[in-house]
Amino acid sequence: MRRFLIGLLATVLAHSPSAHAETHQPNVLFIAVDDLRVELGCFGSPLVKTSHIDGLALQGTRFTRAYCQQTVCNPSRASLLTGLRPDTLRVWDLPTHFRVNKPDVVTLPQLFKQNGYHSQAVGKIFHNWRQDDWKGDSISWSVPSVLHYNTHGNDTPQVEGELPPNLATTAERTECRDVPDDAYYDGRVANIAIETLRKLKEDDKPFFLGVGLWKPHLPFNAPKKYWDMYDRDEIELPPNLAPPEGVPEIALTQDLIEGNYTEAEILELHHGHLAAITYMDAQIGRVLDELDSLGLRENTVVVFWSDHGLHIGEHGLMRKTTLFELDAGVPMIIATPKHPGGQVADGLVELLDLYPTLTDLCGLEPPSGLAGVSLVPMLEDPAAKVKTGALTQTARPNYPRGTDPEVMGYSIRTEDFRYMEWRDFKTGEIQARELYDHRSDAAETTNRAEDPAMGDKVKAHESELDEILKSIPK
């Protein structure tokens, strides 16, 4: 409730004469989360509890159809933070740093630093490359990053005294212990982000502060109090536990539920996932409350985004690296002091649009060659449309690990359809196609690419995808 009331108050203040009289360059609070699909209260999910992010949506514009550029952490984040597509960066895996192929690229936080901003990262913003090799891309930041390098598997509870027992015993990679929030990474990220905001308040300098939460990525190990906010009996199995009808095998992954997960395990994973989302939401709420308490909100642009989505049984799959809506779609919210709160923008957008959007909002000159477009027209008029299709890709094998993919899957999301092509990476030959009609099949349960009634749709989408791919600098 406090977050909700603060959101309403901030919306009023943002349109008061004092807010518009602000002459300083706006700050940027850049909030990233890991593996969060579009599962938030403000995006229509009925069970999840996300009051703080819902409050942020009341202050800003909620983009209902935002899409990542690749359904893997490193290429997705590299694309967003450079404003370039994965094929331009030649980054399709987890270990490859974008500067291997583009050493002189200017990242989003680096550009802000070059323009007089204090640029700082707390938590996971870039991918967590090996610390000694890249140090979180130190050239992008004014000061060394903190809590930015580790692995999710190392996020074990840090407590004084005896460790409470794990009450989640059904599914692997779930943990329910009665520990404080800062026993895990994200509680400590929030602690340091709050301390950082207090220091930034004392400086007479605009800031770009990246706050990267590690949740709700596996393992699902939120503190017990967040598990207790959900009743297991109210959690249902996904309705589409089988792969889509007519789906080509290459579209799936090896993380199949059949023969590997029981219904009880899937339910516990969903329970842990909900707990992890609410735990992550609580940490964001703490940071946003501090932003408000310090009086910084009325001159700060707040951006919230996730790097890609996730499957937990849907389509018969676990995890990500597909081209389905659940993996490609991401939540995105932008709240600015100069635009109304509570707006809903239904037009297609991409994560790489955030780079030109933030430079536009802050009056900075962007580097040439950015692949995205500014979303400011949609902030000014939520009914505006800035593009007709959103491109997402994923490689086969799922994680090429420093080598070229054998096959690349490309998907274009348009107003009513999702169209996919699986292409031999060397020759470009199409090996398989998919078409899902979102007018009648939002869950993508039937591939209609071979349906004669959809021939015109397939042809039109093939042409649009070709045009987009031809426009990508290599």
Protein backbone atom coordinates (compact mmCIF):
# COMPACT_ATOMS: atom_id res chain seq x y z
CA MET A 1 0.00 0.00 0.00
CA ARG A 2 2.87 2.41 0.81
CA ARG A 3 4.38 1.80 -2.62
CA PHE A 4 0.95 2.40 -4.23
CA LEU A 5 0.42 5.70 -2.39
CA ILE A 6 3.97 6.85 -3.13
CA GLY A 7 3.35 6.05 -6.78
CA LEU A 8 0.24 8.21 -6.88
CA LEU A 9 1.99 11.05 -5.05
CA ALA A 10 4.99 10.89 -7.38
CA THR A 11 2.69 11.08 -10.40
CA VAL A 12 1.12 14.25 -9.04
CA LEU A 13 4.50 15.76 -8.19
CA ALA A 14 5.85 14.93 -11.63
CA HIS A 15 3.27 17.26 -13.15
CA SER A 16 3.62 20.07 -10.63
CA PRO A 17 5.32 23.35 -11.59
CA SER A 18 8.29 22.59 -9.33
CA ALA A 19 9.02 19.35 -11.16
CA HIS A 20 8.86 20.99 -14.55
CA ALA A 21 11.07 23.80 -13.31
CA GLU A 22 13.88 21.32 -12.69
CA THR A 23 16.84 22.39 -14.80
CA HIS A 24 19.36 19.69 -13.98
CA GLN A 25 19.93 16.77 -16.31
CA PRO A 26 17.73 13.89 -15.20
CA ASN A 27 19.24 10.98 -13.32
CA VAL A 28 18.69 7.41 -14.47
CA LEU A 29 17.88 4.49 -12.19
CA PHE A 30 18.35 1.45 -14.41
CA ILE A 31 16.85 -1.67 -12.80
CA ALA A 32 17.63 -5.05 -14.36
CA VAL A 33 16.29 -8.44 -13.30
CA ASP A 34 17.26 -11.92 -14.43
CA ASP A 35 15.02 -14.49 -16.16
CA LEU A 36 11.75 -12.72 -15.35
CA ARG A 37 9.07 -13.55 -17.88
CA VAL A 38 5.96 -11.38 -18.12
CA GLU A 39 4.62 -12.50 -14.75
CA LEU A 40 3.77 -9.47 -12.64
CA GLY A 41 0.57 -8.20 -11.11
CA CYS A 42 0.57 -5.06 -13.22
CA PHE A 43 0.87 -7.19 -16.36
CA GLY A 44 -2.23 -9.18 -15.46
CA SER A 45 -0.84 -12.21 -13.61
CA PRO A 46 -3.53 -13.08 -11.05
CA LEU A 47 -1.49 -14.93 -8.42
CA VAL A 48 1.91 -13.25 -8.19
CA LYS A 49 2.42 -10.54 -5.56
CA THR A 50 4.49 -7.63 -6.89
CA SER A 51 3.14 -4.52 -5.20
CA HIS A 52 6.32 -2.45 -5.61
CA ILE A 53 6.76 -3.00 -9.35
CA ASP A 54 3.01 -2.52 -9.72
CA GLY A 55 3.47 0.82 -7.97
CA LEU A 56 6.21 1.76 -10.42
CA ALA A 57 3.80 1.00 -13.26
CA LEU A 58 1.41 3.54 -11.73
CA GLN A 59 4.19 6.11 -12.00
CA GLY A 60 5.22 5.28 -15.54
CA THR A 61 4.43 3.57 -18.82
CA ARG A 62 4.01 -0.18 -18.98
CA PHE A 63 5.02 -1.74 -22.31
CA THR A 64 2.87 -4.83 -22.78
CA ARG A 65 4.72 -6.22 -25.80
CA ALA A 66 8.44 -5.85 -25.25
CA TYR A 67 10.86 -8.48 -26.57
CA CYS A 68 14.48 -9.46 -25.99
CA GLN A 69 16.93 -9.92 -28.85
CA GLN A 70 18.14 -13.36 -27.78
CA THR A 71 16.78 -15.69 -25.13
CA VAL A 72 20.12 -16.07 -23.34
CA CYS A 73 21.49 -13.71 -20.70
CA ASN A 74 24.82 -12.57 -22.17
CA PRO A 75 23.72 -11.81 -25.75
CA SER A 76 20.50 -10.20 -24.54
CA ARG A 77 22.29 -7.85 -22.14
CA ALA A 78 25.11 -7.15 -24.58
CA SER A 79 22.55 -6.18 -27.22
CA LEU A 80 20.60 -3.87 -24.92
CA LEU A 81 23.68 -2.19 -23.46
CA THR A 82 25.36 -1.59 -26.82
CA GLY A 83 22.21 -0.94 -28.85
CA LEU A 84 23.36 -3.52 -31.41
CA ARG A 85 21.91 -6.87 -32.40
CA PRO A 86 23.62 -10.16 -31.47
CA ASP A 87 24.59 -10.85 -35.09
CA THR A 88 26.40 -7.51 -35.26
CA LEU A 89 28.21 -8.19 -31.99
CA ARG A 90 28.73 -11.86 -32.89
CA VAL A 91 27.75 -12.70 -29.33
CA TRP A 92 25.42 -15.71 -29.08
CA ASP A 93 26.74 -17.53 -26.02
CA LEU A 94 27.52 -16.97 -22.34
CA PRO A 95 31.33 -16.51 -22.21
CA THR A 96 32.00 -14.20 -25.19
CA HIS A 97 32.50 -10.55 -24.26
CA PHE A 98 31.15 -8.10 -26.83
CA ARG A 99 34.49 -6.23 -26.93
CA VAL A 100 36.18 -9.27 -28.45
CA ASN A 101 34.53 -8.36 -31.76
CA LYS A 102 33.58 -4.72 -31.11
CA PRO A 103 36.38 -3.32 -28.92
CA ASP A 104 35.47 0.34 -29.45
CA VAL A 105 31.72 0.13 -28.99
CA VAL A 106 30.32 2.72 -26.56
CA THR A 107 27.92 1.16 -24.10
CA LEU A 108 24.89 2.89 -22.64
CA PRO A 109 26.45 3.60 -19.20
CA GLN A 110 29.74 4.51 -20.87
CA LEU A 111 27.98 7.17 -22.96
CA PHE A 112 26.46 8.66 -19.83
CA LYS A 113 29.88 8.68 -18.17
CA GLN A 114 31.35 10.46 -21.21
CA ASN A 115 28.66 13.11 -20.83
CA GLY A 116 29.47 14.05 -17.24
CA TYR A 117 27.32 11.54 -15.39
CA HIS A 118 28.47 9.47 -12.45
CA SER A 119 27.97 5.94 -13.82
CA GLN A 120 27.84 3.06 -11.35
CA ALA A 121 26.67 -0.56 -11.19
CA VAL A 122 25.47 -2.48 -8.16
CA GLY A 123 24.64 -6.09 -8.94
CA LYS A 124 24.29 -7.84 -12.28
CA ILE A 125 23.96 -5.42 -15.22
CA PHE A 126 26.32 -6.85 -17.80
CA HIS A 127 26.64 -10.62 -17.85
CA ASN A 128 28.89 -12.08 -15.17
CA TRP A 129 31.96 -12.84 -17.27
CA ARG A 130 35.07 -14.13 -15.59
CA GLN A 131 36.04 -11.39 -13.17
CA ASP A 132 39.75 -11.21 -13.97
CA ASP A 133 39.12 -10.96 -17.71
CA TRP A 134 36.66 -8.08 -17.94
CA LYS A 135 35.72 -6.84 -14.46
CA GLY A 136 32.16 -6.11 -15.53
CA ASP A 137 33.35 -3.95 -18.45
CA SER A 138 35.06 -1.44 -16.17
CA ILE A 139 35.36 1.17 -18.93
CA SER A 140 31.60 1.66 -18.73
CA TRP A 141 31.59 2.79 -15.11
CA SER A 142 32.97 5.68 -13.07
CA VAL A 143 33.82 3.41 -10.13
CA PRO A 144 34.33 -0.35 -9.83
CA SER A 145 31.16 -2.44 -9.90
CA VAL A 146 30.11 -4.43 -6.84
CA LEU A 147 28.18 -7.70 -6.50
CA HIS A 148 28.31 -7.96 -10.30
CA TYR A 149 30.39 -11.11 -10.65
CA ASN A 150 29.44 -14.56 -9.40
CA THR A 151 27.28 -17.50 -10.36
CA HIS A 152 23.70 -18.25 -9.43
CA GLY A 153 24.77 -21.56 -7.96
CA ASN A 154 26.93 -19.72 -5.44
CA ASP A 155 23.96 -17.77 -4.08
CA THR A 156 23.77 -19.82 -0.90
CA PRO A 157 22.41 -18.34 2.34
CA GLN A 158 24.94 -16.43 4.42
CA VAL A 159 23.82 -16.33 8.04
CA GLU A 160 25.31 -16.20 11.50
CA GLY A 161 24.90 -19.32 13.57
CA GLU A 162 23.16 -22.51 12.52
CA LEU A 163 21.57 -22.58 9.08
CA PRO A 164 17.79 -23.20 9.27
CA PRO A 165 16.57 -26.35 7.49
CA ASN A 166 15.47 -26.38 3.87
CA LEU A 167 11.69 -26.87 3.82
CA ALA A 168 11.53 -27.25 0.03
CA THR A 169 12.32 -30.89 -0.49
CA THR A 170 10.48 -31.99 -3.63
CA ALA A 171 12.23 -30.32 -6.54
CA GLU A 172 15.92 -29.77 -7.18
CA ARG A 173 17.24 -26.18 -7.13
CA THR A 174 14.56 -24.99 -4.72
CA GLU A 175 15.26 -23.79 -1.20
CA CYS A 176 12.98 -22.48 1.51
CA ARG A 177 14.88 -21.38 4.62
CA ASP A 178 13.85 -18.97 7.36
CA VAL A 179 16.64 -16.46 6.76
CA PRO A 180 16.76 -12.66 6.34
CA ASP A 181 16.60 -11.01 2.93
CA ASP A 182 20.28 -10.15 2.86
CA ALA A 183 21.27 -13.78 3.31
CA TYR A 184 21.10 -13.90 -0.50
CA TYR A 185 22.60 -11.71 -3.22
CA ASP A 186 19.59 -9.52 -3.90
CA GLY A 187 19.12 -8.37 -0.32
CA ARG A 188 22.74 -7.25 -0.31
CA VAL A 189 22.36 -5.60 -3.72
CA ALA A 190 19.47 -3.55 -2.32
CA ASN A 191 21.48 -2.63 0.79
CA ILE A 192 24.38 -1.27 -1.26
CA ALA A 193 22.09 0.43 -3.78
CA ILE A 194 20.43 2.32 -0.93
CA GLU A 195 23.80 3.37 0.48
CA THR A 196 24.86 4.46 -3.01
CA LEU A 197 21.75 6.58 -3.51
CA ARG A 198 22.48 8.38 -0.24
CA LYS A 199 26.00 9.19 -1.39
CA LEU A 200 24.78 10.30 -4.82
CA LYS A 201 22.28 12.61 -3.16
CA GLU A 202 25.22 14.49 -1.61
CA ASP A 203 26.97 14.95 -4.98
CA ASP A 204 26.01 17.79 -7.29
CA LYS A 205 26.21 15.58 -10.34
CA PRO A 206 23.68 13.60 -12.40
CA PHE A 207 23.94 9.85 -12.09
CA PHE A 208 23.29 6.67 -14.06
CA LEU A 209 22.85 3.95 -11.45
CA GLY A 210 22.44 0.37 -12.61
CA VAL A 211 20.87 -1.91 -10.01
CA GLY A 212 20.95 -5.53 -11.13
CA LEU A 213 18.91 -8.15 -9.26
CA TRP A 214 19.90 -11.80 -9.66
CA LYS A 215 16.37 -13.12 -9.20
CA PRO A 216 14.09 -14.75 -10.16
CA HIS A 217 16.69 -16.89 -11.94
CA LEU A 218 17.16 -20.42 -10.63
CA PRO A 219 17.79 -21.60 -7.96
CA PHE A 220 14.42 -20.62 -6.51
CA ASN A 221 15.69 -19.92 -3.01
CA ALA A 222 13.86 -16.90 -1.63
CA PRO A 223 13.57 -16.59 2.16
CA LYS A 224 10.73 -18.55 3.74
CA LYS A 225 8.51 -15.53 4.37
CA TYR A 226 8.07 -15.13 0.62
CA TRP A 227 7.15 -18.80 0.17
CA ASP A 228 4.59 -18.31 2.95
CA MET A 229 2.83 -15.63 0.92
CA TYR A 230 1.55 -18.35 -1.43
CA ASP A 231 -0.71 -21.35 -0.86
CA ARG A 232 0.53 -24.39 -2.80
CA ASP A 233 -3.08 -25.52 -3.25
CA GLU A 234 -3.83 -22.36 -5.24
CA ILE A 235 -0.95 -22.94 -7.69
CA GLU A 236 -1.98 -24.80 -10.83
CA LEU A 237 -0.01 -26.73 -13.38
CA PRO A 238 0.41 -24.97 -16.74
CA PRO A 239 -2.37 -26.00 -19.14
CA ASN A 240 0.08 -26.64 -22.01
CA LEU A 241 2.47 -29.27 -20.67
CA ALA A 242 2.98 -30.78 -24.14
CA PRO A 243 5.01 -29.33 -27.04
CA PRO A 244 3.00 -27.47 -29.70
CA GLU A 245 1.26 -29.51 -32.36
CA GLY A 246 3.40 -29.66 -35.49
CA VAL A 247 6.46 -28.13 -33.82
CA PRO A 248 9.83 -28.99 -35.41
CA GLU A 249 12.19 -30.77 -33.03
CA ILE A 250 14.84 -28.08 -33.41
CA ALA A 251 12.50 -25.55 -31.80
CA LEU A 252 12.59 -27.45 -28.51
CA THR A 253 15.46 -27.95 -26.07
CA GLN A 254 16.86 -30.85 -24.06
CA ASP A 255 15.25 -29.45 -20.89
CA LEU A 256 12.13 -31.58 -21.33
CA ILE A 257 9.75 -32.25 -18.45
CA GLU A 258 8.58 -35.64 -19.76
CA GLY A 259 10.30 -38.36 -17.77
CA ASN A 260 12.34 -35.80 -15.82
CA TYR A 261 9.84 -33.95 -13.61
CA THR A 262 6.81 -35.06 -11.64
CA GLU A 263 3.73 -32.88 -11.26
CA ALA A 264 4.67 -32.30 -7.62
CA GLU A 265 8.11 -31.07 -8.67
CA ILE A 266 6.63 -28.70 -11.26
CA LEU A 267 4.25 -27.28 -8.66
CA GLU A 268 7.08 -26.73 -6.18
CA LEU A 269 9.15 -25.03 -8.87
CA HIS A 270 6.24 -22.69 -9.61
CA HIS A 271 5.84 -22.01 -5.89
CA GLY A 272 9.54 -21.20 -5.58
CA HIS A 273 9.41 -19.07 -8.72
CA LEU A 274 6.56 -16.98 -7.32
CA ALA A 275 8.45 -16.59 -4.03
CA ALA A 276 11.59 -15.50 -5.92
CA ILE A 277 9.63 -12.89 -7.88
CA THR A 278 8.09 -11.44 -4.73
CA TYR A 279 11.47 -11.43 -2.97
CA MET A 280 12.98 -9.58 -5.94
CA ASP A 281 10.03 -7.16 -5.94
CA ALA A 282 10.59 -6.39 -2.24
CA GLN A 283 14.23 -5.44 -2.88
CA ILE A 284 13.21 -3.14 -5.73
CA GLY A 285 10.64 -1.60 -3.42
CA ARG A 286 13.31 -0.80 -0.85
CA VAL A 287 15.42 0.96 -3.49
CA LEU A 288 12.46 2.90 -4.89
CA ASP A 289 11.37 3.94 -1.40
CA GLU A 290 14.84 5.33 -0.76
CA LEU A 291 14.76 7.20 -4.07
CA ASP A 292 11.51 8.82 -2.95
CA SER A 293 12.70 9.50 0.59
CA LEU A 294 15.76 11.32 -0.73
CA GLY A 295 13.62 13.55 -2.96
CA LEU A 296 15.32 12.23 -6.10
CA ARG A 297 12.28 10.79 -7.82
CA GLU A 298 11.12 14.02 -9.44
CA ASN A 299 14.34 14.31 -11.44
CA THR A 300 15.03 10.64 -12.13
CA VAL A 301 14.06 8.41 -15.04
CA VAL A 302 13.40 4.90 -13.74
CA VAL A 303 13.67 1.96 -16.12
CA PHE A 304 12.73 -1.62 -15.24
CA TRP A 305 13.48 -4.58 -17.53
CA SER A 306 14.27 -8.29 -17.68
CA ASP A 307 16.81 -9.92 -20.00
CA HIS A 308 14.45 -12.70 -21.22
CA GLY A 309 11.70 -15.04 -20.10
CA LEU A 310 11.45 -18.61 -18.86
CA HIS A 311 9.55 -21.90 -19.15
CA ILE A 312 8.50 -23.93 -16.12
CA GLY A 313 6.70 -26.82 -17.77
CA GLU A 314 4.93 -24.89 -20.52
CA HIS A 315 5.42 -26.45 -23.98
CA GLY A 316 6.84 -29.44 -22.10
CA LEU A 317 10.02 -27.45 -21.40
CA MET A 318 12.13 -26.05 -18.60
CA ARG A 319 14.24 -22.89 -18.69
CA LYS A 320 14.82 -20.80 -21.84
CA THR A 321 16.68 -20.66 -25.21
CA THR A 322 13.55 -21.03 -27.34
CA LEU A 323 11.72 -18.60 -29.60
CA PHE A 324 8.34 -18.99 -27.93
CA GLU A 325 6.54 -15.99 -26.45
CA LEU A 326 7.31 -17.09 -22.88
CA ASP A 327 11.05 -16.80 -23.50
CA ALA A 328 11.05 -13.85 -25.91
CA GLY A 329 8.62 -11.59 -24.08
CA VAL A 330 9.86 -9.41 -21.22
CA PRO A 331 8.33 -6.88 -18.82
CA MET A 332 9.41 -3.28 -19.39
CA ILE A 333 8.41 -0.12 -17.51
CA ILE A 334 9.71 3.42 -18.02
CA ALA A 335 8.78 6.12 -15.51
CA THR A 336 9.86 9.71 -16.14
CA PRO A 337 9.13 12.99 -14.34
CA LYS A 338 7.65 14.50 -17.50
CA HIS A 339 5.21 11.84 -18.66
CA PRO A 340 1.93 10.72 -17.09
CA GLY A 341 1.84 7.69 -14.86
CA GLY A 342 -0.33 4.64 -15.32
CA GLN A 343 0.06 4.59 -19.09
CA VAL A 344 -0.17 1.35 -21.06
CA ALA A 345 1.61 1.07 -24.42
CA ASP A 346 0.61 -1.96 -26.48
CA GLY A 347 2.89 -1.37 -29.48
CA LEU A 348 5.77 -3.70 -30.28
CA VAL A 349 9.12 -2.69 -28.76
CA GLU A 350 12.54 -4.29 -28.24
CA LEU A 351 15.04 -4.14 -25.40
CA LEU A 352 17.62 -2.48 -27.63
CA ASP A 353 15.21 0.46 -27.95
CA LEU A 354 16.13 1.46 -24.39
CA TYR A 355 19.51 2.87 -25.46
CA PRO A 356 18.15 5.53 -27.85
CA THR A 357 15.20 6.15 -25.53
CA LEU A 358 17.38 7.07 -22.56
CA THR A 359 19.69 9.26 -24.63
CA ASP A 360 16.58 11.00 -25.99
CA LEU A 361 15.10 11.53 -22.52
CA CYS A 362 18.37 12.89 -21.14
CA GLY A 363 19.30 15.07 -24.11
CA LEU A 364 22.44 13.14 -25.07
CA GLU A 365 23.75 12.54 -28.57
CA PRO A 366 23.65 8.78 -29.25
CA PRO A 367 26.39 7.01 -31.19
CA SER A 368 25.67 6.32 -34.83
CA GLY A 369 24.44 2.94 -35.95
CA LEU A 370 22.12 2.03 -33.07
CA ALA A 371 19.67 -0.67 -34.11
CA GLY A 372 16.83 0.48 -31.88
CA VAL A 373 14.51 3.47 -31.97
CA SER A 374 13.48 5.96 -29.31
CA LEU A 375 10.30 5.09 -27.44
CA VAL A 376 9.67 8.70 -26.40
CA PRO A 377 6.83 8.96 -28.97
CA MET A 378 5.09 6.13 -27.08
CA LEU A 379 5.67 7.87 -23.74
CA GLU A 380 4.01 10.94 -25.18
CA ASP A 381 1.22 8.95 -26.84
CA PRO A 382 0.86 5.35 -25.63
CA ALA A 383 -1.21 4.52 -28.72
CA ALA A 384 1.73 5.35 -31.00
CA LYS A 385 3.53 2.56 -32.87
CA VAL A 386 7.26 2.75 -33.64
CA LYS A 387 7.78 -0.59 -35.42
CA THR A 388 5.85 -3.40 -37.08
CA GLY A 389 7.93 -6.32 -35.88
CA ALA A 390 10.23 -7.38 -33.04
CA LEU A 391 13.13 -9.74 -33.76
CA THR A 392 14.28 -12.43 -31.33
CA GLN A 393 16.81 -15.17 -32.04
CA THR A 394 18.36 -18.21 -30.42
CA ALA A 395 21.16 -20.55 -31.45
CA ARG A 396 21.50 -24.28 -31.88
CA PRO A 397 23.28 -25.74 -30.08
CA ASN A 398 21.72 -23.66 -27.32
CA TYR A 399 25.09 -22.44 -26.01
CA PRO A 400 27.69 -22.38 -28.82
CA ARG A 401 30.48 -21.49 -26.35
CA GLY A 402 32.82 -19.45 -28.50
CA THR A 403 32.08 -21.07 -31.86
CA ASP A 404 29.62 -20.14 -34.58
CA PRO A 405 26.17 -21.73 -34.22
CA GLU A 406 25.21 -24.59 -36.50
CA VAL A 407 21.67 -23.29 -36.84
CA MET A 408 20.15 -19.94 -35.91
CA GLY A 409 16.50 -19.56 -35.13
CA TYR A 410 14.98 -16.18 -35.97
CA SER A 411 11.52 -15.10 -34.85
CA ILE A 412 9.56 -12.03 -35.77
CA ARG A 413 6.66 -10.99 -33.54
CA THR A 414 4.09 -8.89 -35.36
CA GLU A 415 0.72 -7.53 -34.31
CA ASP A 416 -1.10 -10.87 -34.45
CA PHE A 417 1.49 -13.54 -35.23
CA ARG A 418 4.81 -15.07 -34.27
CA TYR A 419 6.76 -16.38 -37.25
CA MET A 420 9.98 -18.41 -36.90
CA GLU A 421 12.65 -19.68 -39.25
CA TRP A 422 15.44 -22.10 -38.37
CA ARG A 423 18.34 -21.41 -40.76
CA ASP A 424 21.62 -23.15 -41.42
CA PHE A 425 24.02 -20.55 -40.06
CA LYS A 426 26.57 -20.88 -42.86
CA THR A 427 24.29 -21.19 -45.89
CA GLY A 428 21.14 -19.45 -44.69
CA GLU A 429 19.05 -22.38 -45.89
CA ILE A 430 15.73 -22.61 -44.07
CA GLN A 431 15.44 -25.94 -42.26
CA ALA A 432 12.10 -25.44 -40.52
CA ARG A 433 9.35 -22.85 -40.07
CA GLU A 434 6.75 -22.05 -37.46
CA LEU A 435 3.75 -19.73 -37.40
CA TYR A 436 1.55 -19.10 -34.37
CA ASP A 437 -1.70 -17.16 -34.63
CA HIS A 438 -2.04 -15.06 -31.48
CA ARG A 439 -5.57 -14.04 -32.37
CA SER A 440 -6.78 -17.50 -31.40
CA ASP A 441 -3.73 -19.21 -29.89
CA ALA A 442 -1.91 -16.92 -27.45
CA ALA A 443 -0.29 -19.93 -25.77
CA GLU A 444 1.29 -21.00 -29.08
CA THR A 445 -0.01 -24.56 -29.02
CA THR A 446 -0.30 -25.16 -32.80
CA ASN A 447 2.26 -24.50 -35.51
CA ARG A 448 0.35 -23.40 -38.60
CA ALA A 449 3.27 -22.77 -40.95
CA GLU A 450 2.20 -25.68 -43.18
CA ASP A 451 -1.50 -24.79 -43.08
CA PRO A 452 -2.55 -23.82 -46.64
CA ALA A 453 -4.94 -21.26 -45.17
CA MET A 454 -1.94 -19.44 -43.73
CA GLY A 455 0.10 -19.34 -46.91
CA ASP A 456 -0.26 -15.60 -47.39
CA LYS A 457 0.65 -14.94 -43.76
CA VAL A 458 3.76 -17.11 -44.02
CA LYS A 459 4.85 -15.35 -47.20
CA ALA A 460 4.30 -11.87 -45.74
CA HIS A 461 6.21 -12.69 -42.58
CA GLU A 462 9.02 -14.33 -44.49
CA SER A 463 9.42 -11.13 -46.49
CA GLU A 464 9.39 -8.91 -43.39
CA LEU A 465 11.90 -11.12 -41.59
CA ASP A 466 14.18 -11.08 -44.64
CA GLU A 467 14.11 -7.28 -44.72
CA ILE A 468 15.05 -7.04 -41.05
CA LEU A 469 17.89 -9.55 -41.37
CA LYS A 470 19.30 -7.85 -44.45
CA SER A 471 19.42 -4.56 -42.55
CA ILE A 472 21.63 -5.93 -39.74
CA PRO A 473 25.30 -4.86 -40.09
CA LYS A 474 27.61 -7.85 -39.79
